[in-house]
Amino acid sequence: MTRSELRSADQEALLRAAVLAPSIHNTQPWRFRFVGRKVQVFRVRERELPAEDPSRRMLFVSLGAAIFNLRVAAAARGMGSEVRHLVDQRMPDLVAVVELGDSPGEPLAGLAPYLTKRRTNREPFTDEPVSAQVRAELDLCARVEGAVLQWIEKPSRRWWLQVATNDAVAADDEDVARTAERRRWVGGSRGSDGVPSSALGSRVAGGNPVVRDLAATVADAVRPVAEFEREPQLALLATRYDGPIEWLRAGQALEHVLLDATARGLSTSLLNQAIEHEELRVQINDPLGPWQRPQAVIRFGYGPAVPPTPRRTVEDVLVTE
């Protein structure tokens, strides 16, 4: 083995971390190839969602989250990392290359123990507030990756978000293609991908969109009802611009925030219905603040332990040819 090669144990550790990243409907739309001390990151088109994600924005956000996990695993094994975002017509499915250095360049190793502990938690949270200091530090995590985390506290913004979310839910329910796509990936027992019924959480009493209800079957639609927090603590992850490279950065920022929140004992879930409809995204912006491109709405709080969702194997995501 030459100095330019990675040990097989290092390769496996990096991929085990990468597959733990969150992705839309847990589609895990990624594959990876090692070339010396570089990791090539590929999209997987058969795992994309043309109805729910027509612009492929959430695809790239998901890929960005996997890239961030690679960086964390590399730091934990004493390696630095640098991400090159690519648009290469010769290799249209290659979206980024993670170059690994000999010495750590980022203080990310401390997040490694939380890779396996991060969950999407769709159960009720307590009403205990997230402190102002923790909110500021989570925003700093987003800013390090080129995004911002705006806490939605103004009544007017919360109202607009609720209106936009309700409109998105109604549009989703009427969209046959979206419904069919969701049935493919959500519900029942899942072996290596998708969202199993056990991860859907309780239904919200009163129907207020505190948490996203992904139910795609009759059985899942009649899950037990529970009382959720009266005032959910929500934050908007946003970037200055749009486009595949910005979405990859947003995915890295999202996962940085989620892992740091997990390290602080916080639970999280996403409330992205309005984000997924371009005509509704603009309603989430602060009309008196700087113009931003919303990329994710995150719900924070203190919730119960929930089980993990399934993941693909290292062998399934590794490109060897």
C-alpha atoms as a PDB file:
ATOM      1  CA  MET A   1       0.000   0.000   0.000  1.00  0.00           C
ATOM      2  CA  THR A   2       1.372   3.406  -0.951  1.00  0.00           C
ATOM      3  CA  ARG A   3       0.998   6.609   1.032  1.00  0.00           C
ATOM      4  CA  SER A   4      -1.531   7.814  -1.508  1.00  0.00           C
ATOM      5  CA  GLU A   5      -3.895   4.910  -0.766  1.00  0.00           C
ATOM      6  CA  LEU A   6      -6.423   4.577   2.021  1.00  0.00           C
ATOM      7  CA  ARG A   7      -6.524   1.482   4.173  1.00  0.00           C
ATOM      8  CA  SER A   8      -9.605  -0.680   3.713  1.00  0.00           C
ATOM      9  CA  ALA A   9     -10.532  -0.028   7.354  1.00  0.00           C
ATOM     10  CA  ASP A  10     -10.500   3.724   6.685  1.00  0.00           C
ATOM     11  CA  GLN A  11     -12.621   3.296   3.567  1.00  0.00           C
ATOM     12  CA  GLU A  12     -15.185   1.228   5.435  1.00  0.00           C
ATOM     13  CA  ALA A  13     -15.335   3.715   8.330  1.00  0.00           C
ATOM     14  CA  LEU A  14     -15.950   6.610   5.950  1.00  0.00           C
ATOM     15  CA  LEU A  15     -18.722   4.807   4.097  1.00  0.00           C
ATOM     16  CA  ARG A  16     -20.400   3.587   7.289  1.00  0.00           C
ATOM     17  CA  ALA A  17     -20.577   7.222   8.355  1.00  0.00           C
ATOM     18  CA  ALA A  18     -21.780   8.482   4.976  1.00  0.00           C
ATOM     19  CA  VAL A  19     -24.778   6.121   4.761  1.00  0.00           C
ATOM     20  CA  LEU A  20     -26.045   7.367   8.139  1.00  0.00           C
ATOM     21  CA  ALA A  21     -26.872  10.776   6.644  1.00  0.00           C
ATOM     22  CA  PRO A  22     -30.514  11.872   6.382  1.00  0.00           C
ATOM     23  CA  SER A  23     -32.109  11.880   2.928  1.00  0.00           C
ATOM     24  CA  ILE A  24     -35.537  12.655   1.562  1.00  0.00           C
ATOM     25  CA  HIS A  25     -37.763   9.663   2.414  1.00  0.00           C
ATOM     26  CA  ASN A  26     -34.549   7.821   3.341  1.00  0.00           C
ATOM     27  CA  THR A  27     -33.888   7.106  -0.340  1.00  0.00           C
ATOM     28  CA  GLN A  28     -30.102   7.213   0.247  1.00  0.00           C
ATOM     29  CA  PRO A  29     -29.405   8.378  -3.325  1.00  0.00           C
ATOM     30  CA  TRP A  30     -25.606   8.067  -3.223  1.00  0.00           C
ATOM     31  CA  ARG A  31     -22.654   5.941  -4.245  1.00  0.00           C
ATOM     32  CA  PHE A  32     -18.939   6.446  -3.602  1.00  0.00           C
ATOM     33  CA  ARG A  33     -15.667   5.545  -5.294  1.00  0.00           C
ATOM     34  CA  PHE A  34     -12.168   5.752  -3.786  1.00  0.00           C
ATOM     35  CA  VAL A  35      -9.399   7.014  -6.049  1.00  0.00           C
ATOM     36  CA  GLY A  36      -6.232   7.185  -3.989  1.00  0.00           C
ATOM     37  CA  ARG A  37      -6.982   9.587  -1.154  1.00  0.00           C
ATOM     38  CA  LYS A  38     -10.031  11.034  -2.871  1.00  0.00           C
ATOM     39  CA  VAL A  39     -13.667  10.026  -2.451  1.00  0.00           C
ATOM     40  CA  GLN A  40     -15.867  10.576  -5.470  1.00  0.00           C
ATOM     41  CA  VAL A  41     -19.533  11.151  -4.608  1.00  0.00           C
ATOM     42  CA  PHE A  42     -22.175  10.101  -7.160  1.00  0.00           C
ATOM     43  CA  ARG A  43     -25.919  10.612  -7.388  1.00  0.00           C
ATOM     44  CA  VAL A  44     -28.092   7.538  -8.032  1.00  0.00           C
ATOM     45  CA  ARG A  45     -30.819   8.446 -10.490  1.00  0.00           C
ATOM     46  CA  GLU A  46     -33.080   5.467  -9.819  1.00  0.00           C
ATOM     47  CA  ARG A  47     -33.372   6.687  -6.213  1.00  0.00           C
ATOM     48  CA  GLU A  48     -34.453  10.187  -7.145  1.00  0.00           C
ATOM     49  CA  LEU A  49     -38.009  11.510  -6.670  1.00  0.00           C
ATOM     50  CA  PRO A  50     -39.140  13.331  -9.839  1.00  0.00           C
ATOM     51  CA  ALA A  51     -42.622  14.070  -8.455  1.00  0.00           C
ATOM     52  CA  GLU A  52     -41.723  15.266  -4.957  1.00  0.00           C
ATOM     53  CA  ASP A  53     -38.330  16.720  -5.865  1.00  0.00           C
ATOM     54  CA  PRO A  54     -38.615  17.896  -9.496  1.00  0.00           C
ATOM     55  CA  SER A  55     -35.712  20.366  -9.251  1.00  0.00           C
ATOM     56  CA  ARG A  56     -33.567  17.710  -7.470  1.00  0.00           C
ATOM     57  CA  ARG A  57     -32.853  20.284  -4.760  1.00  0.00           C
ATOM     58  CA  MET A  58     -33.477  17.819  -1.915  1.00  0.00           C
ATOM     59  CA  LEU A  59     -31.378  15.234  -3.760  1.00  0.00           C
ATOM     60  CA  PHE A  60     -28.352  17.520  -3.559  1.00  0.00           C
ATOM     61  CA  VAL A  61     -29.130  18.480   0.038  1.00  0.00           C
ATOM     62  CA  SER A  62     -29.152  14.752   0.878  1.00  0.00           C
ATOM     63  CA  LEU A  63     -25.830  14.243  -0.922  1.00  0.00           C
ATOM     64  CA  GLY A  64     -24.384  17.202   0.975  1.00  0.00           C
ATOM     65  CA  ALA A  65     -25.372  15.610   4.281  1.00  0.00           C
ATOM     66  CA  ALA A  66     -23.546  12.404   3.298  1.00  0.00           C
ATOM     67  CA  ILE A  67     -20.479  14.457   2.350  1.00  0.00           C
ATOM     68  CA  PHE A  68     -20.475  16.088   5.781  1.00  0.00           C
ATOM     69  CA  ASN A  69     -20.578  12.667   7.450  1.00  0.00           C
ATOM     70  CA  LEU A  70     -17.561  11.654   5.357  1.00  0.00           C
ATOM     71  CA  ARG A  71     -15.725  14.726   6.651  1.00  0.00           C
ATOM     72  CA  VAL A  72     -16.600  13.895  10.265  1.00  0.00           C
ATOM     73  CA  ALA A  73     -15.416  10.289   9.891  1.00  0.00           C
ATOM     74  CA  ALA A  74     -12.204  11.462   8.233  1.00  0.00           C
ATOM     75  CA  ALA A  75     -11.510  13.885  11.108  1.00  0.00           C
ATOM     76  CA  ALA A  76     -12.124  11.102  13.631  1.00  0.00           C
ATOM     77  CA  ARG A  77      -9.437   9.038  11.892  1.00  0.00           C
ATOM     78  CA  GLY A  78      -6.917  11.878  11.883  1.00  0.00           C
ATOM     79  CA  MET A  79      -7.499  13.133   8.345  1.00  0.00           C
ATOM     80  CA  GLY A  80      -8.420  16.553   7.074  1.00  0.00           C
ATOM     81  CA  SER A  81     -10.802  16.973   4.155  1.00  0.00           C
ATOM     82  CA  GLU A  82     -11.538  19.439   1.387  1.00  0.00           C
ATOM     83  CA  VAL A  83     -14.650  19.296  -0.763  1.00  0.00           C
ATOM     84  CA  ARG A  84     -14.628  20.161  -4.442  1.00  0.00           C
ATOM     85  CA  HIS A  85     -18.127  20.597  -5.855  1.00  0.00           C
ATOM     86  CA  LEU A  86     -18.283  19.577  -9.490  1.00  0.00           C
ATOM     87  CA  VAL A  87     -20.335  20.011 -12.618  1.00  0.00           C
ATOM     88  CA  ASP A  88     -18.659  17.676 -15.127  1.00  0.00           C
ATOM     89  CA  GLN A  89     -20.486  16.874 -18.366  1.00  0.00           C
ATOM     90  CA  ARG A  90     -18.205  13.897 -18.926  1.00  0.00           C
ATOM     91  CA  MET A  91     -19.378  12.330 -15.642  1.00  0.00           C
ATOM     92  CA  PRO A  92     -22.892  13.740 -15.101  1.00  0.00           C
ATOM     93  CA  ASP A  93     -23.567  11.660 -11.977  1.00  0.00           C
ATOM     94  CA  LEU A  94     -20.394  12.811 -10.176  1.00  0.00           C
ATOM     95  CA  VAL A  95     -21.375  15.702  -7.884  1.00  0.00           C
ATOM     96  CA  ALA A  96     -18.341  16.191  -5.631  1.00  0.00           C
ATOM     97  CA  VAL A  97     -14.901  14.942  -4.674  1.00  0.00           C
ATOM     98  CA  VAL A  98     -13.733  14.843  -1.061  1.00  0.00           C
ATOM     99  CA  GLU A  99      -9.935  15.132  -0.906  1.00  0.00           C
ATOM    100  CA  LEU A 100      -8.395  13.679   2.254  1.00  0.00           C
ATOM    101  CA  GLY A 101      -5.268  15.167   3.807  1.00  0.00           C
ATOM    102  CA  ASP A 102      -2.656  13.715   6.148  1.00  0.00           C
ATOM    103  CA  SER A 103      -3.495  15.963   9.099  1.00  0.00           C
ATOM    104  CA  PRO A 104      -6.876  17.113  10.404  1.00  0.00           C
ATOM    105  CA  GLY A 105      -7.883  20.528   9.189  1.00  0.00           C
ATOM    106  CA  GLU A 106     -11.258  20.762  10.907  1.00  0.00           C
ATOM    107  CA  PRO A 107     -12.387  20.204  14.523  1.00  0.00           C
ATOM    108  CA  LEU A 108     -15.124  17.810  13.472  1.00  0.00           C
ATOM    109  CA  ALA A 109     -13.929  14.647  15.206  1.00  0.00           C
ATOM    110  CA  GLY A 110     -15.992  15.485  18.291  1.00  0.00           C
ATOM    111  CA  LEU A 111     -19.180  14.923  16.295  1.00  0.00           C
ATOM    112  CA  ALA A 112     -18.259  11.350  15.308  1.00  0.00           C
ATOM    113  CA  PRO A 113     -19.896   9.658  18.346  1.00  0.00           C
ATOM    114  CA  TYR A 114     -23.226  11.223  17.359  1.00  0.00           C
ATOM    115  CA  LEU A 115     -23.338   9.888  13.803  1.00  0.00           C
ATOM    116  CA  THR A 116     -25.144   6.748  15.003  1.00  0.00           C
ATOM    117  CA  LYS A 117     -27.279   8.628  17.547  1.00  0.00           C
ATOM    118  CA  ARG A 118     -28.840  11.222  15.237  1.00  0.00           C
ATOM    119  CA  ARG A 119     -32.475  10.454  14.448  1.00  0.00           C
ATOM    120  CA  THR A 120     -35.437  12.076  12.742  1.00  0.00           C
ATOM    121  CA  ASN A 121     -37.819  12.278  15.692  1.00  0.00           C
ATOM    122  CA  ARG A 122     -41.500  12.662  14.776  1.00  0.00           C
ATOM    123  CA  GLU A 123     -42.786  12.167  18.322  1.00  0.00           C
ATOM    124  CA  PRO A 124     -43.969  14.954  20.672  1.00  0.00           C
ATOM    125  CA  PHE A 125     -41.302  17.129  22.290  1.00  0.00           C
ATOM    126  CA  THR A 126     -41.496  18.774  25.693  1.00  0.00           C
ATOM    127  CA  ASP A 127     -42.133  22.501  26.055  1.00  0.00           C
ATOM    128  CA  GLU A 128     -38.628  23.084  27.464  1.00  0.00           C
ATOM    129  CA  PRO A 129     -37.086  25.954  25.474  1.00  0.00           C
ATOM    130  CA  VAL A 130     -33.802  25.728  23.598  1.00  0.00           C
ATOM    131  CA  SER A 131     -31.581  28.343  25.227  1.00  0.00           C
ATOM    132  CA  ALA A 132     -30.478  31.463  23.376  1.00  0.00           C
ATOM    133  CA  GLN A 133     -26.848  30.371  23.637  1.00  0.00           C
ATOM    134  CA  VAL A 134     -27.539  26.971  22.084  1.00  0.00           C
ATOM    135  CA  ARG A 135     -29.544  28.632  19.302  1.00  0.00           C
ATOM    136  CA  ALA A 136     -26.654  30.966  18.541  1.00  0.00           C
ATOM    137  CA  GLU A 137     -24.143  28.094  18.520  1.00  0.00           C
ATOM    138  CA  LEU A 138     -26.317  26.035  16.160  1.00  0.00           C
ATOM    139  CA  ASP A 139     -26.501  29.035  13.848  1.00  0.00           C
ATOM    140  CA  LEU A 140     -22.703  29.188  13.944  1.00  0.00           C
ATOM    141  CA  CYS A 141     -22.563  25.557  12.779  1.00  0.00           C
ATOM    142  CA  ALA A 142     -24.650  26.531   9.744  1.00  0.00           C
ATOM    143  CA  ARG A 143     -22.547  29.624   9.018  1.00  0.00           C
ATOM    144  CA  VAL A 144     -19.326  27.613   9.040  1.00  0.00           C
ATOM    145  CA  GLU A 145     -20.758  25.679   6.069  1.00  0.00           C
ATOM    146  CA  GLY A 146     -21.997  28.742   4.170  1.00  0.00           C
ATOM    147  CA  ALA A 147     -25.617  28.859   5.354  1.00  0.00           C
ATOM    148  CA  VAL A 148     -27.610  30.572   8.110  1.00  0.00           C
ATOM    149  CA  LEU A 149     -30.053  29.254  10.698  1.00  0.00           C
ATOM    150  CA  GLN A 150     -32.890  31.706  11.285  1.00  0.00           C
ATOM    151  CA  TRP A 151     -35.109  30.975  14.298  1.00  0.00           C
ATOM    152  CA  ILE A 152     -38.762  31.544  13.415  1.00  0.00           C
ATOM    153  CA  GLU A 153     -40.050  33.490  16.385  1.00  0.00           C
ATOM    154  CA  LYS A 154     -42.095  36.363  14.970  1.00  0.00           C
ATOM    155  CA  PRO A 155     -45.827  35.542  15.069  1.00  0.00           C
ATOM    156  CA  SER A 156     -46.219  36.767  11.483  1.00  0.00           C
ATOM    157  CA  ARG A 157     -43.520  34.404  10.173  1.00  0.00           C
ATOM    158  CA  ARG A 158     -44.932  31.476  12.137  1.00  0.00           C
ATOM    159  CA  TRP A 159     -48.368  32.236  10.704  1.00  0.00           C
ATOM    160  CA  TRP A 160     -47.068  32.418   7.130  1.00  0.00           C
ATOM    161  CA  LEU A 161     -45.178  29.157   7.613  1.00  0.00           C
ATOM    162  CA  GLN A 162     -48.320  27.448   8.899  1.00  0.00           C
ATOM    163  CA  VAL A 163     -50.374  28.744   5.970  1.00  0.00           C
ATOM    164  CA  ALA A 164     -47.742  27.651   3.438  1.00  0.00           C
ATOM    165  CA  THR A 165     -47.398  24.230   5.092  1.00  0.00           C
ATOM    166  CA  ASN A 166     -51.164  23.669   5.071  1.00  0.00           C
ATOM    167  CA  ASP A 167     -51.288  24.613   1.384  1.00  0.00           C
ATOM    168  CA  ALA A 168     -48.420  22.213   0.635  1.00  0.00           C
ATOM    169  CA  VAL A 169     -50.109  19.341   2.495  1.00  0.00           C
ATOM    170  CA  ALA A 170     -53.328  19.897   0.529  1.00  0.00           C
ATOM    171  CA  ALA A 171     -51.421  20.005  -2.764  1.00  0.00           C
ATOM    172  CA  ASP A 172     -49.518  16.830  -1.884  1.00  0.00           C
ATOM    173  CA  ASP A 173     -52.712  14.931  -1.060  1.00  0.00           C
ATOM    174  CA  GLU A 174     -54.191  15.839  -4.449  1.00  0.00           C
ATOM    175  CA  ASP A 175     -51.087  14.922  -6.449  1.00  0.00           C
ATOM    176  CA  VAL A 176     -51.382  11.354  -7.695  1.00  0.00           C
ATOM    177  CA  ALA A 177     -47.716  11.125  -8.726  1.00  0.00           C
ATOM    178  CA  ARG A 178     -46.462  12.359  -5.351  1.00  0.00           C
ATOM    179  CA  THR A 179     -48.761   9.970  -3.509  1.00  0.00           C
ATOM    180  CA  ALA A 180     -47.594   7.007  -5.591  1.00  0.00           C
ATOM    181  CA  GLU A 181     -43.966   7.956  -5.058  1.00  0.00           C
ATOM    182  CA  ARG A 182     -44.476   8.179  -1.316  1.00  0.00           C
ATOM    183  CA  ARG A 183     -46.117   4.750  -1.178  1.00  0.00           C
ATOM    184  CA  ARG A 184     -42.976   3.330  -2.787  1.00  0.00           C
ATOM    185  CA  TRP A 185     -40.716   4.693  -0.055  1.00  0.00           C
ATOM    186  CA  VAL A 186     -42.854   5.089   3.078  1.00  0.00           C
ATOM    187  CA  GLY A 187     -44.678   2.623   5.297  1.00  0.00           C
ATOM    188  CA  GLY A 188     -44.598  -1.035   6.233  1.00  0.00           C
ATOM    189  CA  SER A 189     -41.393  -2.856   7.118  1.00  0.00           C
ATOM    190  CA  ARG A 190     -38.217  -1.694   5.441  1.00  0.00           C
ATOM    191  CA  GLY A 191     -35.021  -3.662   5.046  1.00  0.00           C
ATOM    192  CA  SER A 192     -32.347  -1.209   3.895  1.00  0.00           C
ATOM    193  CA  ASP A 193     -34.006   2.061   2.864  1.00  0.00           C
ATOM    194  CA  GLY A 194     -37.249   4.022   3.016  1.00  0.00           C
ATOM    195  CA  VAL A 195     -39.215   5.127   6.074  1.00  0.00           C
ATOM    196  CA  PRO A 196     -40.814   2.220   7.986  1.00  0.00           C
ATOM    197  CA  SER A 197     -44.150   2.643   9.740  1.00  0.00           C
ATOM    198  CA  SER A 198     -42.321   2.446  13.076  1.00  0.00           C
ATOM    199  CA  ALA A 199     -40.555   5.749  12.293  1.00  0.00           C
ATOM    200  CA  LEU A 200     -43.656   7.770  11.374  1.00  0.00           C
ATOM    201  CA  GLY A 201     -44.374   8.807  14.965  1.00  0.00           C
ATOM    202  CA  SER A 202     -47.741   9.753  16.404  1.00  0.00           C
ATOM    203  CA  ARG A 203     -50.399  11.759  14.632  1.00  0.00           C
ATOM    204  CA  VAL A 204     -50.905  15.333  15.769  1.00  0.00           C
ATOM    205  CA  ALA A 205     -54.067  16.037  17.717  1.00  0.00           C
ATOM    206  CA  GLY A 206     -55.972  18.793  15.947  1.00  0.00           C
ATOM    207  CA  GLY A 207     -54.087  18.436  12.677  1.00  0.00           C
ATOM    208  CA  ASN A 208     -51.784  21.444  13.172  1.00  0.00           C
ATOM    209  CA  PRO A 209     -48.556  20.890  11.154  1.00  0.00           C
ATOM    210  CA  VAL A 210     -46.169  20.633  14.113  1.00  0.00           C
ATOM    211  CA  VAL A 211     -44.535  17.577  12.582  1.00  0.00           C
ATOM    212  CA  ARG A 212     -44.655  16.110   9.096  1.00  0.00           C
ATOM    213  CA  ASP A 213     -47.051  13.216   8.588  1.00  0.00           C
ATOM    214  CA  LEU A 214     -45.646  10.969   5.855  1.00  0.00           C
ATOM    215  CA  ALA A 215     -48.431   8.367   6.059  1.00  0.00           C
ATOM    216  CA  ALA A 216     -48.992   6.884   2.615  1.00  0.00           C
ATOM    217  CA  THR A 217     -51.297   3.941   3.429  1.00  0.00           C
ATOM    218  CA  VAL A 218     -54.661   3.576   5.164  1.00  0.00           C
ATOM    219  CA  ALA A 219     -53.073   1.667   8.044  1.00  0.00           C
ATOM    220  CA  ASP A 220     -50.465   4.374   8.676  1.00  0.00           C
ATOM    221  CA  ALA A 221     -53.085   7.132   8.417  1.00  0.00           C
ATOM    222  CA  VAL A 222     -54.869   5.848  11.536  1.00  0.00           C
ATOM    223  CA  ARG A 223     -51.857   5.756  13.856  1.00  0.00           C
ATOM    224  CA  PRO A 224     -52.441   6.774  17.502  1.00  0.00           C
ATOM    225  CA  VAL A 225     -52.909  10.485  18.175  1.00  0.00           C
ATOM    226  CA  ALA A 226     -50.769  12.390  20.694  1.00  0.00           C
ATOM    227  CA  GLU A 227     -50.536  15.897  22.131  1.00  0.00           C
ATOM    228  CA  PHE A 228     -47.515  17.753  20.714  1.00  0.00           C
ATOM    229  CA  GLU A 229     -45.765  20.863  22.021  1.00  0.00           C
ATOM    230  CA  ARG A 230     -47.943  23.980  22.044  1.00  0.00           C
ATOM    231  CA  GLU A 231     -45.359  26.186  20.346  1.00  0.00           C
ATOM    232  CA  PRO A 232     -42.873  24.196  18.245  1.00  0.00           C
ATOM    233  CA  GLN A 233     -39.348  25.619  18.139  1.00  0.00           C
ATOM    234  CA  LEU A 234     -38.619  26.020  14.439  1.00  0.00           C
ATOM    235  CA  ALA A 235     -35.650  27.349  12.497  1.00  0.00           C
ATOM    236  CA  LEU A 236     -35.111  27.975   8.811  1.00  0.00           C
ATOM    237  CA  LEU A 237     -31.862  26.846   7.188  1.00  0.00           C
ATOM    238  CA  ALA A 238     -31.185  29.162   4.253  1.00  0.00           C
ATOM    239  CA  THR A 239     -28.492  30.061   1.734  1.00  0.00           C
ATOM    240  CA  ARG A 240     -27.820  33.248  -0.209  1.00  0.00           C
ATOM    241  CA  TYR A 241     -28.171  31.592  -3.623  1.00  0.00           C
ATOM    242  CA  ASP A 242     -29.772  28.538  -5.243  1.00  0.00           C
ATOM    243  CA  GLY A 243     -28.339  25.829  -7.471  1.00  0.00           C
ATOM    244  CA  PRO A 244     -26.707  22.387  -7.097  1.00  0.00           C
ATOM    245  CA  ILE A 245     -23.489  23.657  -5.487  1.00  0.00           C
ATOM    246  CA  GLU A 246     -25.421  25.767  -2.961  1.00  0.00           C
ATOM    247  CA  TRP A 247     -27.685  22.798  -2.232  1.00  0.00           C
ATOM    248  CA  LEU A 248     -24.662  20.602  -1.513  1.00  0.00           C
ATOM    249  CA  ARG A 249     -23.420  23.258   0.908  1.00  0.00           C
ATOM    250  CA  ALA A 250     -26.870  23.446   2.466  1.00  0.00           C
ATOM    251  CA  GLY A 251     -26.818  19.686   3.023  1.00  0.00           C
ATOM    252  CA  GLN A 252     -23.474  19.931   4.810  1.00  0.00           C
ATOM    253  CA  ALA A 253     -24.801  22.796   6.924  1.00  0.00           C
ATOM    254  CA  LEU A 254     -27.960  20.845   7.722  1.00  0.00           C
ATOM    255  CA  GLU A 255     -26.063  17.778   8.913  1.00  0.00           C
ATOM    256  CA  HIS A 256     -23.608  19.918  10.902  1.00  0.00           C
ATOM    257  CA  VAL A 257     -26.561  21.486  12.724  1.00  0.00           C
ATOM    258  CA  LEU A 258     -28.323  18.148  13.263  1.00  0.00           C
ATOM    259  CA  LEU A 259     -25.232  16.406  14.645  1.00  0.00           C
ATOM    260  CA  ASP A 260     -24.382  19.328  16.914  1.00  0.00           C
ATOM    261  CA  ALA A 261     -27.984  19.374  18.151  1.00  0.00           C
ATOM    262  CA  THR A 262     -27.767  15.640  18.858  1.00  0.00           C
ATOM    263  CA  ALA A 263     -24.565  16.190  20.829  1.00  0.00           C
ATOM    264  CA  ARG A 264     -26.472  18.710  22.981  1.00  0.00           C
ATOM    265  CA  GLY A 265     -29.268  16.270  23.755  1.00  0.00           C
ATOM    266  CA  LEU A 266     -31.750  17.838  21.321  1.00  0.00           C
ATOM    267  CA  SER A 267     -34.195  15.981  19.109  1.00  0.00           C
ATOM    268  CA  THR A 268     -34.924  17.159  15.566  1.00  0.00           C
ATOM    269  CA  SER A 269     -37.236  16.597  12.637  1.00  0.00           C
ATOM    270  CA  LEU A 270     -37.916  18.403   9.364  1.00  0.00           C
ATOM    271  CA  LEU A 271     -41.051  20.306   8.355  1.00  0.00           C
ATOM    272  CA  ASN A 272     -40.226  20.725   4.671  1.00  0.00           C
ATOM    273  CA  GLN A 273     -43.616  20.507   2.963  1.00  0.00           C
ATOM    274  CA  ALA A 274     -43.696  24.157   1.868  1.00  0.00           C
ATOM    275  CA  ILE A 275     -40.001  24.072   0.950  1.00  0.00           C
ATOM    276  CA  GLU A 276     -40.754  21.394  -1.647  1.00  0.00           C
ATOM    277  CA  HIS A 277     -43.177  23.677  -3.544  1.00  0.00           C
ATOM    278  CA  GLU A 278     -41.356  26.498  -5.318  1.00  0.00           C
ATOM    279  CA  GLU A 279     -44.398  28.754  -5.304  1.00  0.00           C
ATOM    280  CA  LEU A 280     -44.625  28.437  -1.508  1.00  0.00           C
ATOM    281  CA  ARG A 281     -40.937  28.782  -0.608  1.00  0.00           C
ATOM    282  CA  VAL A 282     -41.056  32.561  -0.908  1.00  0.00           C
ATOM    283  CA  GLN A 283     -43.751  32.783   1.763  1.00  0.00           C
ATOM    284  CA  ILE A 284     -41.300  31.510   4.387  1.00  0.00           C
ATOM    285  CA  ASN A 285     -38.803  34.351   3.947  1.00  0.00           C
ATOM    286  CA  ASP A 286     -38.725  37.243   6.393  1.00  0.00           C
ATOM    287  CA  PRO A 287     -40.054  40.178   4.281  1.00  0.00           C
ATOM    288  CA  LEU A 288     -38.079  42.637   6.439  1.00  0.00           C
ATOM    289  CA  GLY A 289     -34.848  40.644   6.483  1.00  0.00           C
ATOM    290  CA  PRO A 290     -32.159  39.886   3.883  1.00  0.00           C
ATOM    291  CA  TRP A 291     -33.319  37.796   0.929  1.00  0.00           C
ATOM    292  CA  GLN A 292     -32.474  34.127   1.465  1.00  0.00           C
ATOM    293  CA  ARG A 293     -33.249  30.835  -0.288  1.00  0.00           C
ATOM    294  CA  PRO A 294     -34.990  28.513   2.201  1.00  0.00           C
ATOM    295  CA  GLN A 295     -33.518  25.001   2.132  1.00  0.00           C
ATOM    296  CA  ALA A 296     -34.985  23.273   5.222  1.00  0.00           C
ATOM    297  CA  VAL A 297     -37.295  23.930   8.163  1.00  0.00           C
ATOM    298  CA  ILE A 298     -36.010  22.201  11.303  1.00  0.00           C
ATOM    299  CA  ARG A 299     -38.020  21.472  14.442  1.00  0.00           C
ATOM    300  CA  PHE A 300     -35.973  21.359  17.648  1.00  0.00           C
ATOM    301  CA  GLY A 301     -36.825  20.185  21.136  1.00  0.00           C
ATOM    302  CA  TYR A 302     -36.397  17.522  23.770  1.00  0.00           C
ATOM    303  CA  GLY A 303     -38.109  14.288  22.779  1.00  0.00           C
ATOM    304  CA  PRO A 304     -38.156  10.566  23.596  1.00  0.00           C
ATOM    305  CA  ALA A 305     -35.719   8.045  22.172  1.00  0.00           C
ATOM    306  CA  VAL A 306     -36.772   6.684  18.777  1.00  0.00           C
ATOM    307  CA  PRO A 307     -35.404   3.742  16.748  1.00  0.00           C
ATOM    308  CA  PRO A 308     -33.079   4.214  13.767  1.00  0.00           C
ATOM    309  CA  THR A 309     -34.259   3.848  10.189  1.00  0.00           C
ATOM    310  CA  PRO A 310     -32.627   1.197   7.959  1.00  0.00           C
ATOM    311  CA  ARG A 311     -29.461   1.829   5.979  1.00  0.00           C
ATOM    312  CA  ARG A 312     -27.842   0.347   2.884  1.00  0.00           C
ATOM    313  CA  THR A 313     -24.687  -1.686   3.305  1.00  0.00           C
ATOM    314  CA  VAL A 314     -21.194  -0.446   2.536  1.00  0.00           C
ATOM    315  CA  GLU A 315     -20.977  -2.965  -0.305  1.00  0.00           C
ATOM    316  CA  ASP A 316     -24.147  -1.567  -1.852  1.00  0.00           C
ATOM    317  CA  VAL A 317     -22.872   2.019  -2.024  1.00  0.00           C
ATOM    318  CA  LEU A 318     -19.254   1.339  -3.021  1.00  0.00           C
ATOM    319  CA  VAL A 319     -18.300   1.678  -6.675  1.00  0.00           C
ATOM    320  CA  THR A 320     -15.385  -0.653  -7.407  1.00  0.00           C
ATOM    321  CA  GLU A 321     -15.115  -0.694 -11.197  1.00  0.00           C
END
